Amino acid sequence: MPVPVPQQRGVPAAETPHGADLTVLVIEDDPAGSITGPELSAAAGTRVRIRTARNLTEAGRLLTDDVDCILLDLALPVPTTTATATTATTTAPAAPDHRPEPAPGRADELAVLTHVLRIAPLHAVLVLTAQDDTELAAEAVRVGAQDYLFRGELDARVLSRAIRYAVERKRADLAQHQLTESGLRAQENARLERGLLPTPLLDGSDLSFAARYRPGRSRALLGGDFYDTVRTPDGTVHAMIGDVCGHGPDEAALGVELRIAWRALTLAGLCGDQLLSTLQQVLEHERQSEEIFATLCTVDIAPDGRRAGLCLAGHPAPLLARHGRPARLLPYEDGGPALGLLPRARWPRRQVELGAEWSLMMYTDGLIEGRVGAGSSQRLGQDGMVAMVNSRLEQGLAGEELLEAAVAEVRELNGGELTDDVAVLLLGRDPERIRRRGRSASRPGPVSTASSTATAPAAASAQRPPLYGP
């Protein structure tokens, strides 16, 4: 009959606390000659219970949850039924079999060990071998045993120390395996989250773009805040920033869904109230509970870059800085409610004059809800943010430098990391930069007409950023 496979407990046997009683399963064909429990107890300073098995069939019955270590004689005969045994019935927690295979010519000698390692992947294993076969003993450790002992040198003190060492080493091996698995999962999650961050689709636009993103979750790359920017074929640049209430993984996932839906709807030609109404339907279908809502701010900038349409859905108003003037908040009196609050809400679109040279900063409330001073109850607020940005503009900062300095100052004022997600988006129009680009583009190149015509579509395609990020 096939050798029975014991059920493994959810907590590894190797996690026995130091100093606790130990249970050792001895598997050898002459267990009467082994050291007894009282001898081991005296050497170990704690009670050691001994179980003996004459073969693998008995070992399968005796290998229960309270066994801490297995003492295995490599000279034990291997029943022919062992080769047909399977671990399909085991309920042990996931412990992938990454053990190396025995060296060529050693598979038969280590068959009993590989079988025990297969049926008891969470137990410490000590092997017994002849004193003149050190190579076999070393190979047993390489395959998966925690240590080896020679039969001729076996005494209570040596065995007690080896059992303790084997149990602790198995515990360390399991902990290392869990850390490795955790690290791999973290890397996979990081790659996934990084892939979900947006890539602006601004090919052909004269506007500058910069963004900063800092999730509130510890060690996360993605939070409940989301943003995106695309340019439609008519030359209009559409920008959006939003915030799902909360900052956990569910909120991050919902934010990604809303961002992708916004991009698809925008490229399909929707704008203003019609777009926000459709996004609210997406939110209502995808949210985990009816209490979840999202704030949103959308801007559509005309092809000439001098005016824009603004829609607010319970979101803070953007900050506009014109050339030679201090930055100010755009009007927010006509805004509508956050998405997901009112079933038949409406979001009016307000026309805003931008001028010839400007910078437009869109942000989430994480930027303005930080404290002003460690331990203070006062928050920065929109007025404090406007004053802070104007101070940085007077220093000549712009673009990436402006956002970096603003986020750093908010964090410093808060006395450390911000608890909420922070997303900041900066769009700008610089006529001088546009003129320089125009002069550069108008210069004749050495490439022939036939060659440039053939390669232009391919070059445009290669420079176009991917639709949903890297």
Protein backbone atom coordinates (compact mmCIF):
# COMPACT_ATOMS: atom_id res chain seq x y z
CA MET A 1 0.00 0.00 0.00
CA PRO A 2 1.23 3.57 -0.64
CA VAL A 3 3.00 5.33 2.22
CA PRO A 4 0.46 7.68 3.88
CA VAL A 5 1.26 11.38 3.80
CA PRO A 6 0.65 13.19 7.10
CA GLN A 7 -1.25 16.46 7.22
CA GLN A 8 1.00 19.41 8.00
CA ARG A 9 -0.13 22.06 10.41
CA GLY A 10 -0.50 25.70 9.43
CA VAL A 11 2.31 26.82 11.79
CA PRO A 12 5.70 25.26 10.99
CA ALA A 13 7.04 22.85 13.57
CA ALA A 14 10.32 24.73 13.47
CA GLU A 15 8.63 27.71 15.17
CA THR A 16 8.79 25.98 18.56
CA PRO A 17 9.79 28.65 21.13
CA HIS A 18 13.33 28.37 22.46
CA GLY A 19 13.35 26.47 25.76
CA ALA A 20 10.01 24.72 25.15
CA ASP A 21 9.56 20.96 25.25
CA LEU A 22 10.71 19.15 22.12
CA THR A 23 9.32 16.13 20.31
CA VAL A 24 11.75 14.18 18.14
CA LEU A 25 10.72 11.48 15.66
CA VAL A 26 13.49 8.92 15.19
CA ILE A 27 13.24 6.92 11.95
CA GLU A 28 15.65 3.96 11.86
CA ASP A 29 15.34 0.24 11.57
CA ASP A 30 16.79 -0.36 15.06
CA PRO A 31 15.32 2.37 17.27
CA ALA A 32 16.10 0.34 20.41
CA GLY A 33 19.72 1.38 20.05
CA SER A 34 18.95 5.13 20.02
CA ILE A 35 19.47 7.51 22.91
CA THR A 36 16.47 7.66 25.22
CA GLY A 37 14.30 10.63 26.11
CA PRO A 38 15.61 11.01 29.70
CA GLU A 39 19.20 11.17 28.45
CA LEU A 40 18.33 13.89 25.94
CA SER A 41 16.25 15.78 28.49
CA ALA A 42 19.16 15.89 30.89
CA ALA A 43 21.54 17.13 28.18
CA ALA A 44 19.13 19.68 26.73
CA GLY A 45 17.92 21.10 30.02
CA THR A 46 14.32 20.65 28.95
CA ARG A 47 11.97 17.75 28.38
CA VAL A 48 12.51 15.84 25.11
CA ARG A 49 9.92 13.32 23.95
CA ILE A 50 11.12 10.54 21.66
CA ARG A 51 8.97 8.76 19.09
CA THR A 52 10.40 5.88 17.13
CA ALA A 53 9.49 4.48 13.73
CA ARG A 54 11.03 1.40 12.13
CA ASN A 55 10.05 2.37 8.57
CA LEU A 56 8.47 5.15 6.54
CA THR A 57 4.98 3.72 6.92
CA GLU A 58 5.19 4.02 10.71
CA ALA A 59 6.79 7.46 10.33
CA GLY A 60 3.80 8.62 8.31
CA ARG A 61 1.47 7.71 11.18
CA LEU A 62 3.65 9.26 13.88
CA LEU A 63 4.49 12.50 12.06
CA THR A 64 1.92 14.77 13.72
CA ASP A 65 1.74 18.48 14.40
CA ASP A 66 3.75 18.41 17.61
CA VAL A 67 6.89 16.84 16.11
CA ASP A 68 9.70 19.41 16.09
CA CYS A 69 12.56 17.48 14.53
CA ILE A 70 13.08 14.27 12.56
CA LEU A 71 16.17 12.12 13.16
CA LEU A 72 16.55 10.00 10.02
CA ASP A 73 18.90 7.08 9.40
CA LEU A 74 20.05 7.23 5.78
CA ALA A 75 20.66 3.48 5.87
CA LEU A 76 16.95 2.85 6.27
CA PRO A 77 15.62 0.59 3.49
CA VAL A 78 13.26 2.33 1.07
CA PRO A 79 10.02 0.40 0.41
CA THR A 80 9.17 -0.08 -3.24
CA THR A 81 5.84 1.64 -2.61
CA THR A 82 7.62 4.86 -1.70
CA ALA A 83 8.18 5.67 -5.34
CA THR A 84 4.44 5.69 -5.93
CA ALA A 85 3.59 7.81 -2.90
CA THR A 86 2.24 11.28 -3.58
CA THR A 87 1.80 14.46 -1.64
CA ALA A 88 -1.54 15.25 -3.19
CA THR A 89 -3.35 14.78 0.13
CA THR A 90 -1.17 17.11 2.16
CA THR A 91 -2.73 20.27 3.56
CA ALA A 92 0.55 21.96 4.37
CA PRO A 93 0.81 25.70 3.73
CA ALA A 94 2.52 26.81 0.55
CA ALA A 95 6.14 25.78 0.82
CA PRO A 96 7.40 25.42 -2.76
CA ASP A 97 9.85 22.59 -3.30
CA HIS A 98 12.97 24.50 -4.38
CA ARG A 99 15.37 21.91 -2.97
CA PRO A 100 18.15 20.77 -5.31
CA GLU A 101 18.13 17.27 -6.72
CA PRO A 102 20.69 14.76 -5.41
CA ALA A 103 23.96 14.56 -7.30
CA PRO A 104 24.23 11.88 -10.02
CA GLY A 105 24.80 8.49 -8.41
CA ARG A 106 23.40 9.62 -5.03
CA ALA A 107 19.69 9.52 -5.78
CA ASP A 108 19.20 5.98 -4.51
CA GLU A 109 21.22 6.57 -1.35
CA LEU A 110 19.19 9.69 -0.54
CA ALA A 111 15.79 8.36 -1.63
CA VAL A 112 14.60 7.99 1.96
CA LEU A 113 15.65 11.58 2.72
CA THR A 114 13.95 13.08 -0.34
CA HIS A 115 10.76 11.20 0.59
CA VAL A 116 10.82 12.55 4.17
CA LEU A 117 11.51 16.09 2.95
CA ARG A 118 8.55 15.79 0.60
CA ILE A 119 6.06 14.64 3.26
CA ALA A 120 7.42 16.96 5.99
CA PRO A 121 8.51 20.21 4.28
CA LEU A 122 8.11 22.31 7.46
CA HIS A 123 10.04 20.08 9.88
CA ALA A 124 13.71 20.19 10.80
CA VAL A 125 15.54 17.06 9.62
CA LEU A 126 18.75 15.55 11.03
CA VAL A 127 20.37 12.64 9.20
CA LEU A 128 22.43 9.78 10.63
CA THR A 129 25.18 8.26 8.52
CA ALA A 130 28.35 6.22 8.83
CA GLN A 131 31.45 8.05 9.96
CA ASP A 132 33.37 7.08 6.84
CA ASP A 133 30.80 8.60 4.46
CA THR A 134 31.21 12.35 4.93
CA GLU A 135 30.48 13.03 1.26
CA LEU A 136 27.04 11.43 1.57
CA ALA A 137 26.37 13.42 4.75
CA ALA A 138 27.34 16.69 3.06
CA GLU A 139 25.17 15.84 0.05
CA ALA A 140 22.22 15.24 2.40
CA VAL A 141 22.59 18.76 3.83
CA ARG A 142 22.83 20.21 0.33
CA VAL A 143 19.61 18.44 -0.66
CA GLY A 144 17.65 19.79 2.31
CA ALA A 145 18.62 18.34 5.70
CA GLN A 146 19.53 20.83 8.42
CA ASP A 147 22.55 18.88 9.72
CA TYR A 148 24.13 15.43 9.90
CA LEU A 149 25.51 13.20 12.67
CA PHE A 150 27.79 10.15 12.64
CA ARG A 151 26.45 7.05 14.38
CA GLY A 152 29.77 6.31 16.09
CA GLU A 153 29.93 9.75 17.75
CA LEU A 154 26.34 9.88 18.92
CA ASP A 155 25.81 10.88 22.56
CA ALA A 156 23.19 12.83 24.43
CA ARG A 157 25.04 16.15 24.53
CA VAL A 158 25.97 16.14 20.83
CA LEU A 159 22.49 15.05 19.76
CA SER A 160 20.78 17.61 22.01
CA ARG A 161 22.86 20.42 20.56
CA ALA A 162 22.27 19.20 16.99
CA ILE A 163 18.49 19.01 17.49
CA ARG A 164 18.37 22.57 18.83
CA TYR A 165 20.54 23.78 15.98
CA ALA A 166 18.43 21.99 13.37
CA VAL A 167 15.18 23.45 14.73
CA GLU A 168 16.61 26.98 14.80
CA ARG A 169 18.13 26.64 11.34
CA LYS A 170 14.83 25.41 9.91
CA ARG A 171 13.08 28.35 11.51
CA ALA A 172 15.61 30.71 9.94
CA ASP A 173 15.24 29.01 6.56
CA LEU A 174 11.44 29.36 6.68
CA ALA A 175 11.71 33.01 7.76
CA GLN A 176 14.15 33.72 4.93
CA HIS A 177 11.83 32.03 2.46
CA GLN A 178 8.91 34.14 3.68
CA LEU A 179 11.01 37.31 3.42
CA THR A 180 12.05 36.39 -0.10
CA GLU A 181 8.46 35.72 -1.12
CA SER A 182 7.36 38.98 0.49
CA GLY A 183 10.09 40.87 -1.34
CA LEU A 184 9.09 39.34 -4.68
CA ARG A 185 5.45 40.23 -4.07
CA ALA A 186 6.46 43.78 -3.19
CA GLN A 187 8.48 44.04 -6.40
CA GLU A 188 5.58 42.74 -8.46
CA ASN A 189 3.19 45.18 -6.77
CA ALA A 190 5.63 48.03 -7.39
CA ARG A 191 5.91 47.12 -11.07
CA LEU A 192 2.14 46.92 -11.33
CA GLU A 193 1.58 50.24 -9.59
CA ARG A 194 4.30 51.94 -11.62
CA GLY A 195 2.68 50.67 -14.80
CA LEU A 196 -0.65 52.15 -13.71
CA LEU A 197 0.75 55.66 -13.27
CA PRO A 198 -0.27 57.90 -16.18
CA THR A 199 1.83 58.96 -19.14
CA PRO A 200 0.73 62.33 -20.57
CA LEU A 201 -0.49 62.15 -24.16
CA LEU A 202 0.61 65.61 -25.35
CA ASP A 203 2.25 64.89 -28.70
CA GLY A 204 2.18 68.09 -30.79
CA SER A 205 1.23 70.43 -27.93
CA ASP A 206 3.12 73.64 -27.15
CA LEU A 207 2.25 73.48 -23.46
CA SER A 208 4.74 72.44 -20.80
CA PHE A 209 3.85 69.69 -18.35
CA ALA A 210 5.09 68.65 -14.91
CA ALA A 211 3.62 66.47 -12.17
CA ARG A 212 4.42 65.22 -8.67
CA TYR A 213 2.76 62.27 -6.96
CA ARG A 214 3.18 61.06 -3.38
CA PRO A 215 0.84 58.35 -2.01
CA GLY A 216 -0.11 58.46 1.65
CA ARG A 217 0.21 54.69 2.13
CA SER A 218 3.55 53.56 3.51
CA ARG A 219 5.78 51.91 0.88
CA ALA A 220 3.12 52.38 -1.82
CA LEU A 221 3.54 53.88 -5.28
CA LEU A 222 -0.13 54.45 -5.97
CA GLY A 223 -2.86 56.06 -3.86
CA GLY A 224 -6.43 57.25 -4.22
CA ASP A 225 -5.39 60.43 -6.06
CA PHE A 226 -5.24 60.31 -9.85
CA TYR A 227 -4.51 62.62 -12.76
CA ASP A 228 -4.10 62.59 -16.53
CA THR A 229 -3.49 64.86 -19.51
CA VAL A 230 -4.28 64.24 -23.18
CA ARG A 231 -4.39 66.24 -26.41
CA THR A 232 -7.27 65.50 -28.76
CA PRO A 233 -6.95 65.70 -32.59
CA ASP A 234 -8.49 69.20 -32.69
CA GLY A 235 -5.55 70.54 -30.64
CA THR A 236 -7.43 70.91 -27.34
CA VAL A 237 -5.44 69.87 -24.26
CA HIS A 238 -7.55 68.18 -21.58
CA ALA A 239 -6.28 67.84 -18.02
CA MET A 240 -7.86 66.17 -15.02
CA ILE A 241 -7.03 65.58 -11.37
CA GLY A 242 -9.14 63.70 -8.85
CA ASP A 243 -9.27 62.17 -5.40
CA VAL A 244 -11.14 59.05 -4.24
CA CYS A 245 -12.03 59.33 -0.54
CA GLY A 246 -9.61 57.22 1.48
CA HIS A 247 -6.10 56.13 0.52
CA GLY A 248 -5.98 52.34 0.57
CA PRO A 249 -5.49 49.79 -2.23
CA ASP A 250 -9.23 49.70 -3.07
CA GLU A 251 -9.27 53.48 -3.48
CA ALA A 252 -6.11 53.31 -5.61
CA ALA A 253 -7.73 50.72 -7.88
CA LEU A 254 -10.87 52.84 -8.24
CA GLY A 255 -8.76 55.90 -9.04
CA VAL A 256 -7.03 54.01 -11.86
CA GLU A 257 -10.41 52.92 -13.25
CA LEU A 258 -11.71 56.49 -13.21
CA ARG A 259 -8.55 57.83 -14.85
CA ILE A 260 -8.67 55.29 -17.67
CA ALA A 261 -12.40 55.91 -18.14
CA TRP A 262 -11.78 59.68 -18.29
CA ARG A 263 -9.09 59.27 -20.94
CA ALA A 264 -11.27 57.00 -23.07
CA LEU A 265 -14.29 59.30 -22.80
CA THR A 266 -12.17 62.38 -23.55
CA LEU A 267 -10.65 60.81 -26.65
CA ALA A 268 -14.17 59.81 -27.68
CA GLY A 269 -15.18 63.51 -27.68
CA LEU A 270 -17.04 63.90 -24.35
CA CYS A 271 -16.46 66.99 -22.25
CA GLY A 272 -17.92 68.93 -19.35
CA ASP A 273 -21.17 67.81 -17.77
CA GLN A 274 -21.66 64.88 -20.15
CA LEU A 275 -18.25 63.45 -19.31
CA LEU A 276 -18.66 63.87 -15.54
CA SER A 277 -22.13 62.31 -15.60
CA THR A 278 -20.71 59.26 -17.35
CA LEU A 279 -17.80 59.08 -14.90
CA GLN A 280 -20.29 59.12 -12.03
CA GLN A 281 -21.97 56.06 -13.55
CA VAL A 282 -18.60 54.32 -13.68
CA LEU A 283 -17.96 55.21 -10.03
CA GLU A 284 -21.38 53.96 -8.92
CA HIS A 285 -20.81 50.60 -10.63
CA GLU A 286 -17.21 50.08 -9.47
CA ARG A 287 -17.15 51.37 -5.88
CA GLN A 288 -17.19 48.96 -2.95
CA SER A 289 -19.91 50.81 -1.03
CA GLU A 290 -22.32 53.70 -1.52
CA GLU A 291 -20.29 55.85 0.88
CA ILE A 292 -17.38 56.05 -1.58
CA PHE A 293 -17.16 59.27 -3.61
CA ALA A 294 -14.54 61.09 -5.66
CA THR A 295 -13.76 64.75 -6.23
CA LEU A 296 -12.64 65.88 -9.66
CA CYS A 297 -11.34 68.91 -11.51
CA THR A 298 -11.22 68.99 -15.31
CA VAL A 299 -9.77 71.65 -17.60
CA ASP A 300 -9.94 71.79 -21.39
CA ILE A 301 -7.51 74.29 -22.89
CA ALA A 302 -8.28 75.71 -26.34
CA PRO A 303 -5.84 75.01 -29.21
CA ASP A 304 -4.50 78.57 -29.07
CA GLY A 305 -3.75 78.12 -25.35
CA ARG A 306 -5.39 81.40 -24.30
CA ARG A 307 -8.63 80.21 -22.73
CA ALA A 308 -9.99 77.13 -21.00
CA GLY A 309 -13.16 75.49 -19.77
CA LEU A 310 -13.25 74.53 -16.08
CA CYS A 311 -15.45 71.94 -14.32
CA LEU A 312 -15.29 71.29 -10.58
CA ALA A 313 -16.88 68.30 -8.86
CA GLY A 314 -16.33 69.02 -5.18
CA HIS A 315 -12.63 69.59 -5.85
CA PRO A 316 -10.35 72.51 -4.88
CA ALA A 317 -10.06 75.17 -7.59
CA PRO A 318 -6.83 75.33 -9.64
CA LEU A 319 -4.22 78.01 -9.15
CA LEU A 320 -3.50 80.34 -12.10
CA ALA A 321 -0.32 82.41 -12.36
CA ARG A 322 -0.14 84.92 -15.25
CA HIS A 323 3.04 86.65 -16.36
CA GLY A 324 3.82 89.59 -14.09
CA ARG A 325 0.89 88.90 -11.75
CA PRO A 326 0.62 86.97 -8.48
CA ALA A 327 -0.99 83.56 -8.58
CA ARG A 328 -4.68 83.34 -7.66
CA LEU A 329 -7.35 80.69 -7.36
CA LEU A 330 -9.77 80.32 -10.25
CA PRO A 331 -13.48 80.89 -9.48
CA TYR A 332 -15.14 77.93 -7.80
CA GLU A 333 -18.64 79.21 -7.02
CA ASP A 334 -20.19 77.36 -9.96
CA GLY A 335 -18.80 73.95 -9.07
CA GLY A 336 -20.94 70.84 -8.69
CA PRO A 337 -20.90 68.11 -6.02
CA ALA A 338 -18.38 65.29 -5.80
CA LEU A 339 -19.04 62.26 -7.99
CA GLY A 340 -21.16 59.64 -6.29
CA LEU A 341 -23.07 61.92 -3.91
CA LEU A 342 -26.15 63.01 -5.89
CA PRO A 343 -27.71 60.72 -8.55
CA ARG A 344 -28.81 63.47 -10.95
CA ALA A 345 -26.18 66.11 -10.27
CA ARG A 346 -24.98 68.56 -12.89
CA TRP A 347 -21.56 70.14 -13.37
CA PRO A 348 -21.53 73.48 -15.20
CA ARG A 349 -18.55 74.36 -17.35
CA ARG A 350 -17.05 77.79 -16.69
CA GLN A 351 -15.03 79.70 -19.30
CA VAL A 352 -11.69 81.06 -18.04
CA GLU A 353 -9.34 83.51 -19.77
CA LEU A 354 -5.72 82.42 -19.42
CA GLY A 355 -3.80 84.96 -21.45
CA ALA A 356 -0.66 84.59 -23.53
CA GLU A 357 1.77 83.42 -20.80
CA TRP A 358 0.60 81.48 -17.78
CA SER A 359 1.02 78.52 -15.44
CA LEU A 360 -1.93 76.48 -14.18
CA MET A 361 -1.50 74.30 -11.09
CA MET A 362 -4.03 71.58 -10.30
CA TYR A 363 -3.72 69.71 -7.00
CA THR A 364 -5.49 67.42 -4.54
CA ASP A 365 -6.43 68.32 -0.98
CA GLY A 366 -3.43 66.44 0.44
CA LEU A 367 -1.35 69.48 -0.52
CA ILE A 368 -3.42 71.93 1.53
CA GLU A 369 -4.47 69.78 4.50
CA GLY A 370 -0.99 69.38 5.97
CA ARG A 371 -0.27 70.97 9.34
CA VAL A 372 1.62 74.23 9.78
CA GLY A 373 4.19 73.20 12.35
CA ALA A 374 4.73 69.89 14.13
CA GLY A 375 1.97 69.29 16.67
CA SER A 376 -0.06 72.25 15.42
CA SER A 377 -3.78 71.92 14.66
CA GLN A 378 -3.64 74.67 12.02
CA ARG A 379 -3.70 73.48 8.42
CA LEU A 380 -1.99 75.13 5.47
CA GLY A 381 -5.22 75.72 3.55
CA GLN A 382 -5.64 77.24 0.12
CA ASP A 383 -4.59 80.73 1.23
CA GLY A 384 -1.38 79.37 2.72
CA MET A 385 -0.70 77.42 -0.46
CA VAL A 386 -1.22 80.50 -2.64
CA ALA A 387 1.21 82.51 -0.50
CA MET A 388 3.75 79.69 -0.60
CA VAL A 389 3.55 79.36 -4.41
CA ASN A 390 3.83 83.11 -4.91
CA SER A 391 6.94 83.13 -2.73
CA ARG A 392 8.50 80.44 -4.91
CA LEU A 393 7.50 82.23 -8.11
CA GLU A 394 9.26 85.38 -6.86
CA GLN A 395 12.39 83.25 -6.51
CA GLY A 396 12.14 82.45 -10.21
CA LEU A 397 11.12 78.81 -9.84
CA ALA A 398 8.95 77.17 -12.50
CA GLY A 399 7.96 73.77 -13.81
CA GLU A 400 9.54 70.75 -12.12
CA GLU A 401 11.54 72.94 -9.69
CA LEU A 402 8.40 74.76 -8.56
CA LEU A 403 6.50 71.55 -7.83
CA GLU A 404 9.46 69.93 -6.10
CA ALA A 405 9.94 72.96 -3.86
CA ALA A 406 6.21 73.25 -3.08
CA VAL A 407 5.81 69.60 -2.06
CA ALA A 408 9.02 69.71 -0.02
CA GLU A 409 7.92 72.85 1.84
CA VAL A 410 4.47 71.42 2.61
CA ARG A 411 6.12 68.28 3.99
CA GLU A 412 8.56 70.36 6.05
CA LEU A 413 5.77 72.50 7.48
CA ASN A 414 3.87 69.35 8.41
CA GLY A 415 6.86 68.12 10.41
CA GLY A 416 7.29 64.95 8.35
CA GLU A 417 5.52 62.77 5.81
CA LEU A 418 1.98 63.75 4.86
CA THR A 419 -0.71 61.23 5.83
CA ASP A 420 -2.89 61.89 2.78
CA ASP A 421 -2.12 61.29 -0.89
CA VAL A 422 -0.72 64.27 -2.78
CA ALA A 423 -0.93 64.85 -6.52
CA VAL A 424 0.09 68.11 -8.22
CA LEU A 425 -0.12 68.88 -11.93
CA LEU A 426 1.39 71.94 -13.62
CA LEU A 427 0.61 73.08 -17.17
CA GLY A 428 2.14 76.17 -18.69
CA ARG A 429 2.38 78.31 -21.82
CA ASP A 430 5.53 80.29 -22.64
CA PRO A 431 5.35 82.29 -25.93
CA GLU A 432 9.16 82.69 -26.08
CA ARG A 433 9.62 78.93 -25.78
CA ILE A 434 7.04 78.39 -28.50
CA ARG A 435 8.85 80.83 -30.81
CA ARG A 436 12.18 79.11 -30.22
CA ARG A 437 10.64 75.76 -31.05
CA GLY A 438 9.09 77.23 -34.18
CA ARG A 439 12.41 78.64 -35.41
CA SER A 440 14.13 75.31 -34.70
CA ALA A 441 11.47 73.37 -36.59
CA SER A 442 11.64 75.71 -39.61
CA ARG A 443 15.39 75.22 -40.21
CA PRO A 444 16.11 73.07 -43.29
CA GLY A 445 17.74 69.72 -42.62
CA PRO A 446 20.11 67.60 -44.72
CA VAL A 447 17.58 64.78 -45.15
CA SER A 448 16.14 64.47 -48.66
CA THR A 449 12.40 64.93 -49.31
CA ALA A 450 11.88 61.30 -50.30
CA SER A 451 13.64 60.06 -47.18
CA SER A 452 11.80 62.37 -44.77
CA THR A 453 8.44 61.46 -46.27
CA ALA A 454 9.10 57.76 -45.86
CA THR A 455 10.32 57.98 -42.28
CA ALA A 456 8.01 60.64 -40.86
CA PRO A 457 5.10 58.39 -39.90
CA ALA A 458 7.39 55.89 -38.24
CA ALA A 459 9.19 58.61 -36.28
CA ALA A 460 5.91 60.12 -35.11
CA SER A 461 4.70 56.72 -33.99
CA ALA A 462 7.93 55.99 -32.10
CA GLN A 463 7.79 59.31 -30.22
CA ARG A 464 4.14 58.97 -29.26
CA PRO A 465 3.87 57.99 -25.59
CA PRO A 466 1.91 54.82 -24.79
CA LEU A 467 -1.78 55.35 -24.09
CA TYR A 468 -1.92 53.82 -20.60
CA GLY A 469 1.62 54.24 -19.37
CA PRO A 470 4.76 52.08 -19.64
